[in-house]
Each structure stands twice: as structure tokens, then as C-alpha cells.
């Protein structure tokens, strides 16, 4: 998915007791716990985050309830996609806190960081079954980005499962447009 431009980003809004702060060295296991509980499988912080060429601790954010970290998102970039595009990476919110719009807030904080760094847009990757996350991304101004020929059909299924067939019309030009070649050198 892609978001072109950051001029229209909304303000951060938190329910009482919630805040966002940057990652601190030594909190790798906190990140891993959030991701594992959110995704249902273990991911290594060192492999998935620290190994990125754009890694910096102030690009990783924790959503906190009181003092406990309950969500995360990273404001990375991938040099192969150009310095101007940020990369929203590893959005995860603990299941006990999902469905409250908190994923949008932690993602928004990452997008604001990208804007602070001078990026002019952002990309992200997600799986078709992560329908709630896709809804969050669409609400944050992300649009489909076709990188495989089968995605036209897959996006139609996603819009149907969201109960928003009008999005197929809204993104008609993009869904009928060319496949974007974005190679990853990982």
C-alpha cells in the first residue's frame, strides 16, 4: 500500500491513560512480546528491526497504557524504494487493546516521524487476511499498490470483506493501472 504526501495527517488523539514514546535500547523483548501476542508467532527484533539499514531507536514507537507498552510501529525507510518514501513497519497492538483505534494512533505517530525526517510519502506491506489493519491503513490515507498481477482480484475480495464495495470504484484507476515493480534486496 502507498500513501502519497503527509500534508493532511490528522492530529494524534489518545484515550485517557494512553501515550506514545520511542523505543529504548534493552526493550527488544518488549517489542517481541507485543508482536508475538498480536501476530501469533515469534519475530526477532534483531532480525526484523535492528538489521534494517535504516534502523534507529527513535524510529520505533511504543503505544503505552499508563507505563505498559501495548503496541508498536516503526517509521523506517528502505533505500531501494528511495530516500523520499518512508516504510511503515510492524504495526502491532496487543489483542486486549485492539478495536479501539489505537493502531491508527501508533501508525500516525510513525507517519509523523517520516514527515519530520523529510519523507514525502510512505509504503507498507501487509497480508490479505489482516483486514482490520487494512481498514486502518485505508483510513490513514493509504491506497492499494499493485505489485503482483493477482492483486486486482485480491483487492476486490478485501473491499467486499470490509463491506465497502464503493472502494473498488474509488480506487478503480489504481486497480486497473500498471503493476508497480518494487524489488526488495533483503
Protein backbone atom coordinates (compact mmCIF):
# COMPACT_ATOMS: atom_id res chain seq x y z
CA UNK A 1 0.00 0.00 0.00
CA UNK A 2 1.14 3.56 -0.55
CA UNK A 3 0.38 6.97 0.93
CA UNK A 4 1.40 9.91 -1.20
CA UNK A 5 2.03 13.03 0.85
CA UNK A 6 1.68 13.91 4.51
CA UNK A 7 0.03 17.34 4.36
CA UNK A 8 -3.36 16.08 5.55
CA UNK A 9 -2.29 13.97 8.53
CA UNK A 10 -4.72 14.28 11.45
CA UNK A 11 -3.64 15.08 14.99
CA UNK A 12 -2.82 12.37 17.48
CA UNK A 13 -5.74 11.65 19.83
CA UNK A 14 -5.44 9.27 22.76
CA UNK A 15 -7.98 7.92 25.20
CA UNK A 16 -7.12 8.74 28.84
CA UNK A 17 -4.13 6.80 30.12
CA UNK A 18 -2.52 6.23 26.70
CA UNK A 19 0.66 7.76 25.30
CA UNK A 20 3.35 7.05 22.73
CA UNK A 21 7.05 7.02 23.36
CA UNK A 22 10.15 5.89 21.45
CA UNK A 23 11.81 2.52 21.94
CA UNK A 24 14.75 2.38 24.34
CA UNK A 25 17.72 0.08 23.87
CA UNK A 26 17.20 -3.01 26.02
CA UNK A 27 13.45 -3.24 25.25
CA UNK A 28 13.82 -5.78 22.47
CA UNK A 29 11.91 -8.43 24.43
CA UNK A 30 9.03 -5.97 25.00
CA UNK A 31 8.74 -5.46 21.21
CA UNK A 32 8.95 -9.24 20.63
CA UNK A 33 6.19 -9.91 23.19
CA UNK A 34 3.82 -7.39 21.59
CA UNK A 35 4.47 -8.75 18.11
CA UNK A 36 4.12 -12.38 19.22
CA UNK A 37 0.83 -11.78 21.04
CA UNK A 38 -0.50 -9.72 18.13
CA UNK A 39 0.60 -11.95 15.24
CA UNK A 40 0.58 -15.34 16.97
CA UNK A 41 4.20 -16.15 16.16
CA UNK A 42 7.65 -15.07 17.29
CA UNK A 43 9.64 -12.44 15.42
CA UNK A 44 13.17 -11.46 16.36
CA UNK A 45 13.75 -7.74 16.98
CA UNK A 46 17.34 -8.08 15.83
CA UNK A 47 16.38 -9.82 12.59
CA UNK A 48 13.30 -7.76 11.71
CA UNK A 49 14.19 -4.29 13.02
CA UNK A 50 17.81 -3.84 14.08
CA UNK A 51 19.10 -5.47 10.86
CA UNK A 52 17.34 -2.85 8.72
CA UNK A 53 19.82 -0.37 7.21
CA UNK A 54 17.52 2.46 8.38
CA UNK A 55 17.39 1.25 11.99
CA UNK A 56 17.45 3.94 14.63
CA UNK A 57 15.84 3.60 18.09
CA UNK A 58 13.88 6.84 17.62
CA UNK A 59 12.10 5.33 14.60
CA UNK A 60 10.50 2.60 16.73
CA UNK A 61 7.49 3.59 18.84
CA UNK A 62 5.62 2.04 21.72
CA UNK A 63 1.99 2.76 22.47
CA UNK A 64 1.66 2.66 26.25
CA UNK A 65 -1.25 2.31 28.61
CA UNK A 66 -0.03 4.04 31.73
CA UNK A 67 3.55 2.70 31.73
CA UNK A 68 2.97 -0.64 29.97
CA UNK A 69 3.84 -0.94 26.27
CA UNK A 70 0.80 -2.40 24.48
CA UNK A 71 1.51 -1.58 20.83
CA UNK A 72 4.30 -0.77 18.41
CA UNK A 73 5.03 0.60 14.95
CA UNK A 74 8.22 1.57 13.14
CA UNK A 75 8.92 4.56 10.88
CA UNK A 76 11.58 3.01 8.65
CA UNK A 77 12.62 3.51 5.06
CA UNK A 78 14.07 1.12 2.55
CA UNK A 79 16.81 2.63 0.39
CA UNK A 80 15.80 0.51 -2.60
CA UNK A 81 12.46 2.38 -2.67
CA UNK A 82 14.18 5.73 -2.48
CA UNK A 83 15.00 8.08 0.37
CA UNK A 84 11.77 10.04 -0.11
CA UNK A 85 9.41 7.19 0.88
CA UNK A 86 9.03 6.02 4.45
CA UNK A 87 8.17 2.42 5.28
CA UNK A 88 5.53 1.71 7.95
CA UNK A 89 6.78 -1.48 9.54
CA UNK A 90 5.43 -3.91 12.14
CA UNK A 91 2.24 -2.31 13.38
CA UNK A 92 1.10 -4.46 16.29
CA UNK A 93 -1.31 -3.88 19.18
CA UNK A 94 -1.95 -6.41 21.93
CA UNK A 95 -5.28 -8.17 21.37
CA UNK A 96 -6.70 -6.86 24.68
CA UNK A 97 -6.34 -3.31 23.29
CA UNK A 98 -7.39 -3.87 19.67
CA UNK A 99 -10.56 -2.42 18.19
CA UNK A 100 -10.11 0.93 19.96
CA UNK A 101 -8.44 2.85 17.12
CA UNK A 102 -5.05 2.60 18.83
CA UNK A 103 -3.37 1.02 15.80
CA UNK A 104 -4.25 4.14 13.84
CA UNK A 105 -2.66 6.36 16.50
CA UNK A 106 0.63 4.45 16.68
CA UNK A 107 0.73 4.31 12.85
CA UNK A 108 0.03 8.03 12.72
CA UNK A 109 2.95 8.68 15.07
CA UNK A 110 5.22 6.72 12.71
CA UNK A 111 3.91 8.74 9.72
CA UNK A 112 4.56 11.99 11.59
CA UNK A 113 8.15 10.82 12.20
CA UNK A 114 8.54 10.16 8.47
CA UNK A 115 7.30 13.67 7.73
CA UNK A 116 9.71 15.11 10.34
CA UNK A 117 12.53 13.34 8.50
CA UNK A 118 11.53 14.92 5.19
CA UNK A 119 9.88 11.92 3.55
CA UNK A 120 7.09 12.73 1.09
CA UNK A 121 5.08 9.52 1.34
CA UNK A 122 5.05 6.02 2.77
CA UNK A 123 4.64 2.42 1.73
CA UNK A 124 3.78 -0.67 3.72
CA UNK A 125 3.28 -4.37 3.19
CA UNK A 126 0.53 -6.44 4.74
CA UNK A 127 -1.31 -9.71 4.22
CA UNK A 128 -4.82 -10.01 2.77
CA UNK A 129 -6.19 -11.64 5.92
CA UNK A 130 -5.23 -8.62 8.08
CA UNK A 131 -8.50 -6.93 7.17
CA UNK A 132 -8.70 -4.78 10.32
CA UNK A 133 -5.19 -3.46 9.72
CA UNK A 134 -6.02 -2.77 6.06
CA UNK A 135 -9.07 -0.79 7.18
CA UNK A 136 -6.80 1.24 9.49
CA UNK A 137 -4.36 1.91 6.65
CA UNK A 138 -7.13 2.96 4.28
CA UNK A 139 -8.49 5.33 6.94
CA UNK A 140 -4.98 6.81 7.25
CA UNK A 141 -4.91 7.62 3.55
CA UNK A 142 -3.05 4.60 2.20
CA UNK A 143 -4.15 3.23 -1.17
CA UNK A 144 -3.68 -0.09 -2.91
CA UNK A 145 -0.35 -0.51 -4.66
CA UNK A 146 -0.33 -3.33 -7.16
CA UNK A 147 2.92 -5.29 -7.07
CA UNK A 148 1.53 -8.63 -8.35
CA UNK A 149 -0.92 -9.27 -11.18
CA UNK A 150 -3.30 -11.23 -8.91
CA UNK A 151 -3.82 -8.25 -6.60
CA UNK A 152 -6.65 -6.77 -8.65
CA UNK A 153 -8.83 -9.73 -7.67
CA UNK A 154 -7.43 -9.83 -4.15
CA UNK A 155 -8.27 -6.15 -3.55
CA UNK A 156 -11.84 -6.69 -4.74
CA UNK A 157 -12.16 -9.51 -2.19
CA UNK A 158 -10.72 -7.30 0.55
CA UNK A 159 -13.18 -4.48 -0.23
CA UNK A 160 -16.02 -6.98 -0.20
CA UNK A 161 -14.94 -8.43 3.16
CA UNK A 162 -14.73 -4.89 4.57
CA UNK A 163 -18.28 -4.29 3.38
CA UNK A 164 -17.04 -1.34 1.34
CA UNK A 165 -17.53 -2.17 -2.34
CA UNK A 166 -17.54 1.59 -3.04
CA UNK A 167 -13.77 1.47 -2.51
CA UNK A 168 -13.47 -0.54 -5.70
CA UNK A 169 -14.89 2.47 -7.55
CA UNK A 170 -12.77 4.92 -5.58
CA UNK A 171 -9.58 3.03 -6.45
CA UNK A 172 -10.70 1.95 -9.93
CA UNK A 173 -7.86 3.72 -11.75
CA UNK A 174 -5.26 2.23 -9.45
CA UNK A 175 -6.77 -1.27 -9.71
CA UNK A 176 -6.82 -1.04 -13.50
CA UNK A 177 -3.40 0.60 -13.67
CA UNK A 178 0.03 -0.90 -14.14
CA UNK A 179 1.80 -3.26 -11.80
CA UNK A 180 4.44 -1.39 -9.80
CA UNK A 181 7.85 -3.01 -9.81
CA UNK A 182 9.33 -2.66 -6.31
CA UNK A 183 12.20 -5.00 -5.66
CA UNK A 184 13.43 -5.82 -2.22
CA UNK A 185 17.11 -6.52 -1.67
CA UNK A 186 16.90 -8.39 1.60
